[in-house]
Amino acid sequence: MHMKNSILFIALGLLTAACGNSNKPQKASTDAVFNEASADTSQTSDKGVPAITWVKVMHDFGKITQGEKAEYSFKFTNTGSGQLLISNAVATCGCTVPQYSKEPINPGESGFIKVIFDSEKRLDRFEKSITITSNTSPAETVLYITGMVIPKPEEQERIMNQ
């Protein structure tokens, strides 16, 4: 039993060392800023603070046939007092593609994030998330799409005839 505890202790020590625990401060990544205008802090500092208000943050496509490309536009309004800038929109997988305007959205104006879900290589229930990054506080909002991908009619017939 003593030997087992010693091996466990050594394994934990090696694991901790392998994780690269170091006391060096990490630099923040700037990879997430794809909209150059969003990096300009003068857009918000003296002109107010933007705020994003979504009509809804989740959409259920219901049943869609395999191979179908389902689209939905998440609508929002800038309810703040400064220009709103969307700097990034990232989905959890390549089957979901978000599209957004790179133009600033003035207070009181509306916009949308269009999401296209490609069901070609999918079957059954799905839930995907899309993370939107903007110059608001908080800077990130997560949108969700859900639904059920059913087989193509010819595939359903083949399954039923087996």
Foldseek 3Di string as FASTA:
>chain_A
DVVVVVVVVVVVVVVVVVVVDDPDDDDDDPVQFQQVVQVPCVQDDPQWAWDKDWPDQEEEPAEDEAQDKDKDKTKIAGQIRTWKAWGDKAKPDPQKDWDFDRDTHHHGGMTIIMIIGGRNPHAAKDKMWMWIAMRHVVRIDIGMYIYGYHYDPVVVVVVVVD
